[in-house]
Amino acid sequence: MTRLDAPTEISIPTRLIRDGYLEIVGPAWKTPAGADRFTLFIPVDLLGDPSTQVLLRDEYAGDGYEARERRLTDQLLPTNCLFLDIGAHWGIYSLHALTASADVQVIAVEPDPDNLIHLIYNLASNRLDGRAKVVAAAVADRAGSQWLKRNTAMGHHLFEDRARAGRKAIAVPTVTIDDLVAECDPDGVRPVWIKLDIEGRERAALAGAVTVLRAGRVAGILWESNAGGMVNPETEDIVAMLREHGFTTHEVNRHYRLSVPLKGAVPNLGSAEK
C-alpha cells in the first residue's frame, strides 16, 4: 500500500465533504445493476498525505485503486467465505469483499489507532459492519505484542525490537491467522481468503497460519511482494513455503503476488510460477 508514484493534485468539490470526510465512489466499482458498490470515506485532514493522494487519484480519477488485484478478488472469492483483510487500513478491501457477495464474512485487522477509527467509520457508514469483525492488532507468527513504527497514512512497520522501531513507536498486540480463523469459524466450514499487506512482514504472518494452510481451507492469498517500493527479500521464501503447502504463486504485478491451490484456476495471469 505504499506506492508513492508522482501524486497528481485533484480538485475536490466541497459538496463531497461532510463530517470531516471526503465521500467518493469508485467509478469502476458497480453492481451488475449499475449501482455504486460502496462509498469510501477519506479523512479530510489526510488529503495532503502522499499515500492518500495516490489512493485518491486512482480511485476517484482513475480506474480504481489496485484495480487488478480487486478484480481478481471478485473473480476468485469463494461463496460463503471468510475474508481476512490483514493490514486493512481504512477498509477498501473489506468493503470490496463485502460487496462482492452477500455471504462473505470479513475479519479486518489493523494495528494503527488512527486508521482503526476510519476503518470502523467506513464499515458503519456503508452499513456493512454487521458482517465485519474489526481486530485492533497486528498479525504475526505468534500472539503477544510488538512495536509499530508509524509512517504516512500507509506504510507502517512492525518490529519486535523497540530500539529498531524508534522512540515514537507504539506497542500493539499481535495475533495469528490461525487464532483469528479459529475464533470466527470454530466449526471450520468456511473457505478462507487472505489479503496480506503488512510491509514486509508477510512471511511472519504466514508462519502463524500453518494450521489453516494444512487443513486445505485457504482458497487464495493475495500478498504484497514488496515493502516500501522495494522487493521483499523474503519473497522467494514465501513462495517456497506456500509451495510446500500445495500452492502455486503467480505475479499479479510488481506490487502483488497471488497464491492459489494447485488445483485452482487463475484467470488472466498465465501459468508460470514466479
C-alpha atoms as a PDB file:
ATOM      1  CA  MET A   1       0.000   0.000   0.000  1.00  0.00           C
ATOM      2  CA  THR A   2       2.957   2.324  -0.068  1.00  0.00           C
ATOM      3  CA  ARG A   3       3.115   3.353  -3.723  1.00  0.00           C
ATOM      4  CA  LEU A   4       4.105   6.992  -3.912  1.00  0.00           C
ATOM      5  CA  ASP A   5       4.169   7.338  -7.694  1.00  0.00           C
ATOM      6  CA  ALA A   6       4.043  11.067  -8.506  1.00  0.00           C
ATOM      7  CA  PRO A   7       0.726  12.015  -6.907  1.00  0.00           C
ATOM      8  CA  THR A   8      -1.496  14.199  -9.041  1.00  0.00           C
ATOM      9  CA  GLU A   9      -3.328  17.072  -7.345  1.00  0.00           C
ATOM     10  CA  ILE A  10      -7.084  16.552  -7.642  1.00  0.00           C
ATOM     11  CA  SER A  11      -9.686  19.285  -7.271  1.00  0.00           C
ATOM     12  CA  ILE A  12     -12.319  18.091  -4.807  1.00  0.00           C
ATOM     13  CA  PRO A  13     -15.831  19.577  -4.880  1.00  0.00           C
ATOM     14  CA  THR A  14     -16.717  20.820  -1.382  1.00  0.00           C
ATOM     15  CA  ARG A  15     -20.141  19.191  -1.664  1.00  0.00           C
ATOM     16  CA  LEU A  16     -18.391  15.832  -1.263  1.00  0.00           C
ATOM     17  CA  ILE A  17     -17.028  16.748   2.178  1.00  0.00           C
ATOM     18  CA  ARG A  18     -19.102  16.001   5.284  1.00  0.00           C
ATOM     19  CA  ASP A  19     -18.240  15.465   8.957  1.00  0.00           C
ATOM     20  CA  GLY A  20     -14.532  15.672   8.270  1.00  0.00           C
ATOM     21  CA  TYR A  21     -14.591  13.081   5.482  1.00  0.00           C
ATOM     22  CA  LEU A  22     -14.421  13.236   1.730  1.00  0.00           C
ATOM     23  CA  GLU A  23     -17.061  10.912   0.291  1.00  0.00           C
ATOM     24  CA  ILE A  24     -16.206   9.256  -3.024  1.00  0.00           C
ATOM     25  CA  VAL A  25     -17.445   6.340  -5.070  1.00  0.00           C
ATOM     26  CA  GLY A  26     -15.092   4.494  -7.369  1.00  0.00           C
ATOM     27  CA  PRO A  27     -16.378   4.811 -10.935  1.00  0.00           C
ATOM     28  CA  ALA A  28     -15.067   1.331 -11.765  1.00  0.00           C
ATOM     29  CA  TRP A  29     -16.891  -0.493  -8.958  1.00  0.00           C
ATOM     30  CA  LYS A  30     -20.550  -1.071  -9.760  1.00  0.00           C
ATOM     31  CA  THR A  31     -23.115  -3.752  -9.050  1.00  0.00           C
ATOM     32  CA  PRO A  32     -24.490  -5.717 -12.025  1.00  0.00           C
ATOM     33  CA  ALA A  33     -27.443  -3.295 -11.933  1.00  0.00           C
ATOM     34  CA  GLY A  34     -25.101  -0.315 -12.252  1.00  0.00           C
ATOM     35  CA  ALA A  35     -25.306   0.982  -8.679  1.00  0.00           C
ATOM     36  CA  ASP A  36     -22.226   2.059  -6.730  1.00  0.00           C
ATOM     37  CA  ARG A  37     -20.963  -0.796  -4.600  1.00  0.00           C
ATOM     38  CA  PHE A  38     -19.896   1.378  -1.681  1.00  0.00           C
ATOM     39  CA  THR A  39     -18.815   4.847  -0.622  1.00  0.00           C
ATOM     40  CA  LEU A  40     -15.250   5.396   0.529  1.00  0.00           C
ATOM     41  CA  PHE A  41     -14.813   7.948   3.310  1.00  0.00           C
ATOM     42  CA  ILE A  42     -11.368   9.586   3.320  1.00  0.00           C
ATOM     43  CA  PRO A  43     -10.376  11.802   6.277  1.00  0.00           C
ATOM     44  CA  VAL A  44     -10.028  15.388   5.070  1.00  0.00           C
ATOM     45  CA  ASP A  45      -7.051  16.111   7.313  1.00  0.00           C
ATOM     46  CA  LEU A  46      -5.065  13.448   5.428  1.00  0.00           C
ATOM     47  CA  LEU A  47      -5.815  14.609   1.898  1.00  0.00           C
ATOM     48  CA  GLY A  48      -2.342  16.123   1.625  1.00  0.00           C
ATOM     49  CA  ASP A  49      -0.644  12.878   2.620  1.00  0.00           C
ATOM     50  CA  PRO A  50       1.317  11.407  -0.348  1.00  0.00           C
ATOM     51  CA  SER A  51      -0.102   7.903   0.030  1.00  0.00           C
ATOM     52  CA  THR A  52      -3.641   9.281   0.325  1.00  0.00           C
ATOM     53  CA  GLN A  53      -3.082  11.230  -2.893  1.00  0.00           C
ATOM     54  CA  VAL A  54      -2.174   8.002  -4.704  1.00  0.00           C
ATOM     55  CA  LEU A  55      -5.305   6.253  -3.429  1.00  0.00           C
ATOM     56  CA  LEU A  56      -7.482   9.240  -4.266  1.00  0.00           C
ATOM     57  CA  ARG A  57      -6.033   9.699  -7.736  1.00  0.00           C
ATOM     58  CA  ASP A  58      -6.579   6.034  -8.633  1.00  0.00           C
ATOM     59  CA  GLU A  59      -9.980   5.621  -7.014  1.00  0.00           C
ATOM     60  CA  TYR A  60     -11.586   8.929  -7.929  1.00  0.00           C
ATOM     61  CA  ALA A  61      -9.885   9.884 -11.177  1.00  0.00           C
ATOM     62  CA  GLY A  62      -8.568   6.562 -12.471  1.00  0.00           C
ATOM     63  CA  ASP A  63      -9.831   3.018 -12.999  1.00  0.00           C
ATOM     64  CA  GLY A  64      -9.613   2.135  -9.306  1.00  0.00           C
ATOM     65  CA  TYR A  65      -7.010   1.764  -6.580  1.00  0.00           C
ATOM     66  CA  GLU A  66      -5.185  -1.563  -7.006  1.00  0.00           C
ATOM     67  CA  ALA A  67      -7.791  -2.324  -9.639  1.00  0.00           C
ATOM     68  CA  ARG A  68      -6.356  -5.563 -10.991  1.00  0.00           C
ATOM     69  CA  GLU A  69      -5.950  -7.029  -7.528  1.00  0.00           C
ATOM     70  CA  ARG A  70      -9.528  -6.197  -6.625  1.00  0.00           C
ATOM     71  CA  ARG A  71     -10.910  -7.601  -9.864  1.00  0.00           C
ATOM     72  CA  LEU A  72      -9.051 -10.830  -9.167  1.00  0.00           C
ATOM     73  CA  THR A  73     -10.664 -10.870  -5.723  1.00  0.00           C
ATOM     74  CA  ASP A  74     -14.082 -10.573  -7.374  1.00  0.00           C
ATOM     75  CA  GLN A  75     -13.298 -13.408  -9.772  1.00  0.00           C
ATOM     76  CA  LEU A  76     -11.805 -15.831  -7.271  1.00  0.00           C
ATOM     77  CA  LEU A  77     -13.579 -15.142  -3.977  1.00  0.00           C
ATOM     78  CA  PRO A  78     -15.429 -18.331  -2.913  1.00  0.00           C
ATOM     79  CA  THR A  79     -19.042 -18.178  -1.783  1.00  0.00           C
ATOM     80  CA  ASN A  80     -19.660 -18.155   1.982  1.00  0.00           C
ATOM     81  CA  CYS A  81     -16.008 -17.424   2.631  1.00  0.00           C
ATOM     82  CA  LEU A  82     -14.108 -15.813   5.480  1.00  0.00           C
ATOM     83  CA  PHE A  83     -12.127 -12.888   4.064  1.00  0.00           C
ATOM     84  CA  LEU A  84      -9.099 -11.823   6.112  1.00  0.00           C
ATOM     85  CA  ASP A  85      -8.143  -8.232   5.363  1.00  0.00           C
ATOM     86  CA  ILE A  86      -4.740  -8.078   7.041  1.00  0.00           C
ATOM     87  CA  GLY A  87      -3.381  -4.565   7.015  1.00  0.00           C
ATOM     88  CA  ALA A  88      -6.916  -3.277   6.469  1.00  0.00           C
ATOM     89  CA  HIS A  89      -6.062   0.444   6.576  1.00  0.00           C
ATOM     90  CA  TRP A  90      -9.389   2.287   6.002  1.00  0.00           C
ATOM     91  CA  GLY A  91     -11.158  -0.822   4.737  1.00  0.00           C
ATOM     92  CA  ILE A  92     -11.124  -0.527   0.959  1.00  0.00           C
ATOM     93  CA  TYR A  93     -10.550  -4.282   0.500  1.00  0.00           C
ATOM     94  CA  SER A  94     -13.026  -5.123   3.267  1.00  0.00           C
ATOM     95  CA  LEU A  95     -15.685  -3.012   1.574  1.00  0.00           C
ATOM     96  CA  HIS A  96     -14.844  -4.577  -1.760  1.00  0.00           C
ATOM     97  CA  ALA A  97     -15.143  -8.143  -0.448  1.00  0.00           C
ATOM     98  CA  LEU A  98     -18.346  -7.441   1.462  1.00  0.00           C
ATOM     99  CA  THR A  99     -19.986  -6.055  -1.669  1.00  0.00           C
ATOM    100  CA  ALA A 100     -18.707  -8.876  -3.877  1.00  0.00           C
ATOM    101  CA  SER A 101     -21.061 -11.357  -2.227  1.00  0.00           C
ATOM    102  CA  ALA A 102     -23.764 -11.116   0.422  1.00  0.00           C
ATOM    103  CA  ASP A 103     -22.483 -14.182   2.287  1.00  0.00           C
ATOM    104  CA  VAL A 104     -18.866 -13.063   2.763  1.00  0.00           C
ATOM    105  CA  GLN A 105     -17.738 -12.512   6.362  1.00  0.00           C
ATOM    106  CA  VAL A 106     -14.758 -10.177   6.881  1.00  0.00           C
ATOM    107  CA  ILE A 107     -12.084 -10.029   9.555  1.00  0.00           C
ATOM    108  CA  ALA A 108     -10.406  -6.629   9.191  1.00  0.00           C
ATOM    109  CA  VAL A 109      -7.106  -6.461  11.079  1.00  0.00           C
ATOM    110  CA  GLU A 110      -5.421  -3.087  11.602  1.00  0.00           C
ATOM    111  CA  PRO A 111      -2.939  -2.062  14.331  1.00  0.00           C
ATOM    112  CA  ASP A 112      -2.804   1.718  13.847  1.00  0.00           C
ATOM    113  CA  PRO A 113      -5.243   3.510  16.193  1.00  0.00           C
ATOM    114  CA  ASP A 114      -5.983   6.360  13.766  1.00  0.00           C
ATOM    115  CA  ASN A 115      -6.602   4.024  10.852  1.00  0.00           C
ATOM    116  CA  LEU A 116      -8.905   1.963  13.067  1.00  0.00           C
ATOM    117  CA  ILE A 117     -11.185   4.969  13.578  1.00  0.00           C
ATOM    118  CA  HIS A 118     -11.521   5.473   9.829  1.00  0.00           C
ATOM    119  CA  LEU A 119     -11.896   1.735   9.170  1.00  0.00           C
ATOM    120  CA  ILE A 120     -14.795   1.469  11.620  1.00  0.00           C
ATOM    121  CA  TYR A 121     -16.372   4.625  10.181  1.00  0.00           C
ATOM    122  CA  ASN A 122     -16.206   3.262   6.637  1.00  0.00           C
ATOM    123  CA  LEU A 123     -17.798  -0.052   7.572  1.00  0.00           C
ATOM    124  CA  ALA A 124     -20.545   1.538   9.659  1.00  0.00           C
ATOM    125  CA  SER A 125     -21.326   4.296   7.143  1.00  0.00           C
ATOM    126  CA  ASN A 126     -21.822   1.671   4.442  1.00  0.00           C
ATOM    127  CA  ARG A 127     -23.949  -0.421   6.831  1.00  0.00           C
ATOM    128  CA  LEU A 128     -21.614  -3.362   6.400  1.00  0.00           C
ATOM    129  CA  ASP A 129     -20.301  -3.570   9.964  1.00  0.00           C
ATOM    130  CA  GLY A 130     -22.699  -6.401  10.773  1.00  0.00           C
ATOM    131  CA  ARG A 131     -20.680  -8.780   8.593  1.00  0.00           C
ATOM    132  CA  ALA A 132     -17.250  -7.496   9.631  1.00  0.00           C
ATOM    133  CA  LYS A 133     -15.174  -8.079  12.727  1.00  0.00           C
ATOM    134  CA  VAL A 134     -12.555  -5.381  13.332  1.00  0.00           C
ATOM    135  CA  VAL A 135      -9.446  -6.535  15.177  1.00  0.00           C
ATOM    136  CA  ALA A 136      -7.175  -3.866  16.676  1.00  0.00           C
ATOM    137  CA  ALA A 137      -3.893  -5.731  16.312  1.00  0.00           C
ATOM    138  CA  ALA A 138      -1.050  -6.667  14.006  1.00  0.00           C
ATOM    139  CA  VAL A 139      -0.714 -10.158  12.541  1.00  0.00           C
ATOM    140  CA  ALA A 140       2.481 -12.044  13.374  1.00  0.00           C
ATOM    141  CA  ASP A 141       3.820 -15.554  13.872  1.00  0.00           C
ATOM    142  CA  ARG A 142       2.637 -15.630  17.495  1.00  0.00           C
ATOM    143  CA  ALA A 143       0.311 -13.822  19.845  1.00  0.00           C
ATOM    144  CA  GLY A 144       1.870 -11.184  22.094  1.00  0.00           C
ATOM    145  CA  SER A 145       2.914  -7.605  21.422  1.00  0.00           C
ATOM    146  CA  GLN A 146       5.354  -5.787  19.157  1.00  0.00           C
ATOM    147  CA  TRP A 147       6.228  -2.209  18.190  1.00  0.00           C
ATOM    148  CA  LEU A 148       4.594  -0.280  15.375  1.00  0.00           C
ATOM    149  CA  LYS A 149       6.597   2.431  13.627  1.00  0.00           C
ATOM    150  CA  ARG A 150       4.098   4.761  12.010  1.00  0.00           C
ATOM    151  CA  ASN A 151       4.826   6.268   8.615  1.00  0.00           C
ATOM    152  CA  THR A 152       2.442   8.194   6.344  1.00  0.00           C
ATOM    153  CA  ALA A 153      -1.249   7.248   6.359  1.00  0.00           C
ATOM    154  CA  MET A 154       0.034   3.927   4.996  1.00  0.00           C
ATOM    155  CA  GLY A 155       3.290   2.021   5.263  1.00  0.00           C
ATOM    156  CA  HIS A 156       3.586   1.367   8.996  1.00  0.00           C
ATOM    157  CA  HIS A 157       6.236  -1.175  10.002  1.00  0.00           C
ATOM    158  CA  LEU A 158       6.189  -3.752  12.784  1.00  0.00           C
ATOM    159  CA  PHE A 159       9.276  -4.527  14.891  1.00  0.00           C
ATOM    160  CA  GLU A 160       9.974  -6.966  17.696  1.00  0.00           C
ATOM    161  CA  ASP A 161      12.848  -4.757  18.885  1.00  0.00           C
ATOM    162  CA  ARG A 162      11.779  -1.392  20.291  1.00  0.00           C
ATOM    163  CA  ALA A 163      15.209   0.126  19.629  1.00  0.00           C
ATOM    164  CA  ARG A 164      14.872  -0.615  15.917  1.00  0.00           C
ATOM    165  CA  ALA A 165      11.337   0.738  15.850  1.00  0.00           C
ATOM    166  CA  GLY A 166      12.382   4.098  17.280  1.00  0.00           C
ATOM    167  CA  ARG A 167      11.280   6.120  20.262  1.00  0.00           C
ATOM    168  CA  LYS A 168       7.994   7.213  18.654  1.00  0.00           C
ATOM    169  CA  ALA A 169       6.850   3.641  18.027  1.00  0.00           C
ATOM    170  CA  ILE A 170       3.755   2.398  19.833  1.00  0.00           C
ATOM    171  CA  ALA A 171       3.147  -1.004  21.395  1.00  0.00           C
ATOM    172  CA  VAL A 172       0.435  -3.048  19.666  1.00  0.00           C
ATOM    173  CA  PRO A 173      -0.950  -6.531  20.315  1.00  0.00           C
ATOM    174  CA  THR A 174      -0.201  -9.301  17.838  1.00  0.00           C
ATOM    175  CA  VAL A 175      -2.457 -12.153  16.761  1.00  0.00           C
ATOM    176  CA  THR A 176      -2.071 -15.125  14.419  1.00  0.00           C
ATOM    177  CA  ILE A 177      -4.099 -16.046  11.377  1.00  0.00           C
ATOM    178  CA  ASP A 178      -4.796 -19.459  12.889  1.00  0.00           C
ATOM    179  CA  ASP A 179      -6.294 -17.883  16.026  1.00  0.00           C
ATOM    180  CA  LEU A 180      -8.378 -15.411  14.011  1.00  0.00           C
ATOM    181  CA  VAL A 181      -9.870 -18.154  11.856  1.00  0.00           C
ATOM    182  CA  ALA A 182     -10.479 -20.483  14.820  1.00  0.00           C
ATOM    183  CA  GLU A 183     -12.307 -17.760  16.739  1.00  0.00           C
ATOM    184  CA  CYS A 184     -14.509 -16.596  13.860  1.00  0.00           C
ATOM    185  CA  ASP A 185     -15.197 -20.001  12.320  1.00  0.00           C
ATOM    186  CA  PRO A 186     -14.837 -22.593  15.128  1.00  0.00           C
ATOM    187  CA  ASP A 187     -16.604 -25.282  13.082  1.00  0.00           C
ATOM    188  CA  GLY A 188     -14.060 -24.938  10.284  1.00  0.00           C
ATOM    189  CA  VAL A 189     -16.619 -24.919   7.488  1.00  0.00           C
ATOM    190  CA  ARG A 190     -15.879 -21.671   5.647  1.00  0.00           C
ATOM    191  CA  PRO A 191     -13.232 -21.414   2.941  1.00  0.00           C
ATOM    192  CA  VAL A 192     -10.658 -18.737   3.727  1.00  0.00           C
ATOM    193  CA  TRP A 193      -9.341 -15.948   1.524  1.00  0.00           C
ATOM    194  CA  ILE A 194      -6.387 -13.863   2.735  1.00  0.00           C
ATOM    195  CA  LYS A 195      -5.337 -10.399   1.600  1.00  0.00           C
ATOM    196  CA  LEU A 196      -1.959  -9.636   3.162  1.00  0.00           C
ATOM    197  CA  ASP A 197      -0.339  -6.192   3.001  1.00  0.00           C
ATOM    198  CA  ILE A 198       1.893  -5.579   6.008  1.00  0.00           C
ATOM    199  CA  GLU A 199       5.072  -4.011   4.673  1.00  0.00           C
ATOM    200  CA  GLY A 200       7.495  -6.903   4.546  1.00  0.00           C
ATOM    201  CA  ARG A 201       6.137  -8.963   7.455  1.00  0.00           C
ATOM    202  CA  GLU A 202       4.129 -11.316   5.255  1.00  0.00           C
ATOM    203  CA  ARG A 203       6.436 -14.289   5.934  1.00  0.00           C
ATOM    204  CA  ALA A 204       5.955 -13.977   9.697  1.00  0.00           C
ATOM    205  CA  ALA A 205       2.192 -13.696   9.298  1.00  0.00           C
ATOM    206  CA  LEU A 206       2.026 -16.854   7.195  1.00  0.00           C
ATOM    207  CA  ALA A 207       4.132 -18.685   9.781  1.00  0.00           C
ATOM    208  CA  GLY A 208       1.150 -18.193  12.073  1.00  0.00           C
ATOM    209  CA  ALA A 209      -1.239 -19.756   9.553  1.00  0.00           C
ATOM    210  CA  VAL A 210       0.159 -23.294   9.451  1.00  0.00           C
ATOM    211  CA  THR A 211      -2.980 -24.962  10.836  1.00  0.00           C
ATOM    212  CA  VAL A 212      -5.366 -23.379   8.362  1.00  0.00           C
ATOM    213  CA  LEU A 213      -2.948 -23.942   5.471  1.00  0.00           C
ATOM    214  CA  ARG A 214      -2.546 -27.625   6.348  1.00  0.00           C
ATOM    215  CA  ALA A 215      -6.315 -28.012   6.592  1.00  0.00           C
ATOM    216  CA  GLY A 216      -6.646 -27.091   2.924  1.00  0.00           C
ATOM    217  CA  ARG A 217      -9.177 -24.350   3.651  1.00  0.00           C
ATOM    218  CA  VAL A 218      -7.313 -21.431   2.067  1.00  0.00           C
ATOM    219  CA  ALA A 219      -8.704 -20.693  -1.389  1.00  0.00           C
ATOM    220  CA  GLY A 220      -6.279 -17.875  -2.138  1.00  0.00           C
ATOM    221  CA  ILE A 221      -3.710 -15.470  -0.745  1.00  0.00           C
ATOM    222  CA  LEU A 222      -3.205 -12.051  -2.310  1.00  0.00           C
ATOM    223  CA  TRP A 223       0.016 -10.744  -0.804  1.00  0.00           C
ATOM    224  CA  GLU A 224       2.285  -7.762  -1.239  1.00  0.00           C
ATOM    225  CA  SER A 225       5.670  -8.803  -2.555  1.00  0.00           C
ATOM    226  CA  ASN A 226       7.447  -5.536  -1.945  1.00  0.00           C
ATOM    227  CA  ALA A 227       7.990  -3.287   1.051  1.00  0.00           C
ATOM    228  CA  GLY A 228       8.083   0.456   0.589  1.00  0.00           C
ATOM    229  CA  GLY A 229       8.641   0.084  -3.145  1.00  0.00           C
ATOM    230  CA  MET A 230      11.490  -2.420  -2.705  1.00  0.00           C
ATOM    231  CA  VAL A 231      11.192  -6.150  -3.323  1.00  0.00           C
ATOM    232  CA  ASN A 232      10.603  -8.050  -0.114  1.00  0.00           C
ATOM    233  CA  PRO A 233      13.804 -10.086   0.434  1.00  0.00           C
ATOM    234  CA  GLU A 234      11.657 -12.922   1.821  1.00  0.00           C
ATOM    235  CA  THR A 235       9.542 -13.207  -1.322  1.00  0.00           C
ATOM    236  CA  GLU A 236      11.154 -16.384  -2.612  1.00  0.00           C
ATOM    237  CA  ASP A 237      10.997 -17.940   0.861  1.00  0.00           C
ATOM    238  CA  ILE A 238       7.270 -17.199   0.945  1.00  0.00           C
ATOM    239  CA  VAL A 239       6.805 -18.780  -2.483  1.00  0.00           C
ATOM    240  CA  ALA A 240       8.717 -21.889  -1.377  1.00  0.00           C
ATOM    241  CA  MET A 241       6.806 -22.181   1.896  1.00  0.00           C
ATOM    242  CA  LEU A 242       3.463 -21.910   0.146  1.00  0.00           C
ATOM    243  CA  ARG A 243       4.572 -24.437  -2.470  1.00  0.00           C
ATOM    244  CA  GLU A 244       5.141 -26.913   0.357  1.00  0.00           C
ATOM    245  CA  HIS A 245       1.503 -26.375   1.330  1.00  0.00           C
ATOM    246  CA  GLY A 246       0.301 -27.074  -2.210  1.00  0.00           C
ATOM    247  CA  PHE A 247       0.091 -23.548  -3.600  1.00  0.00           C
ATOM    248  CA  THR A 248       1.295 -22.133  -6.863  1.00  0.00           C
ATOM    249  CA  THR A 249       2.226 -18.446  -6.928  1.00  0.00           C
ATOM    250  CA  HIS A 250       1.620 -16.007  -9.776  1.00  0.00           C
ATOM    251  CA  GLU A 251       2.868 -12.478 -10.278  1.00  0.00           C
ATOM    252  CA  VAL A 252      -0.061 -10.055 -10.465  1.00  0.00           C
ATOM    253  CA  ASN A 253       2.169  -7.001 -10.966  1.00  0.00           C
ATOM    254  CA  ARG A 254       5.322  -5.613  -9.379  1.00  0.00           C
ATOM    255  CA  HIS A 255       3.470  -4.995  -6.120  1.00  0.00           C
ATOM    256  CA  TYR A 256       1.431  -8.157  -5.528  1.00  0.00           C
ATOM    257  CA  ARG A 257       1.503 -11.909  -5.952  1.00  0.00           C
ATOM    258  CA  LEU A 258      -1.364 -14.359  -5.858  1.00  0.00           C
ATOM    259  CA  SER A 259      -1.009 -17.829  -4.375  1.00  0.00           C
ATOM    260  CA  VAL A 260      -3.732 -20.389  -5.031  1.00  0.00           C
ATOM    261  CA  PRO A 261      -4.045 -24.162  -4.550  1.00  0.00           C
ATOM    262  CA  LEU A 262      -2.501 -26.124  -7.406  1.00  0.00           C
ATOM    263  CA  LYS A 263      -5.942 -27.382  -8.406  1.00  0.00           C
ATOM    264  CA  GLY A 264      -7.363 -23.847  -8.583  1.00  0.00           C
ATOM    265  CA  ALA A 265      -7.863 -21.850 -11.763  1.00  0.00           C
ATOM    266  CA  VAL A 266      -6.199 -18.454 -12.134  1.00  0.00           C
ATOM    267  CA  PRO A 267      -7.786 -16.240 -14.810  1.00  0.00           C
ATOM    268  CA  ASN A 268      -5.750 -13.817 -16.881  1.00  0.00           C
ATOM    269  CA  LEU A 269      -2.406 -14.481 -15.207  1.00  0.00           C
ATOM    270  CA  GLY A 270      -0.846 -17.239 -17.244  1.00  0.00           C
ATOM    271  CA  SER A 271       0.524 -20.417 -15.761  1.00  0.00           C
ATOM    272  CA  ALA A 272       4.149 -19.598 -14.974  1.00  0.00           C
ATOM    273  CA  GLU A 273       5.095 -19.633 -11.335  1.00  0.00           C
ATOM    274  CA  LYS A 274       7.045 -16.596 -10.177  1.00  0.00           C
END
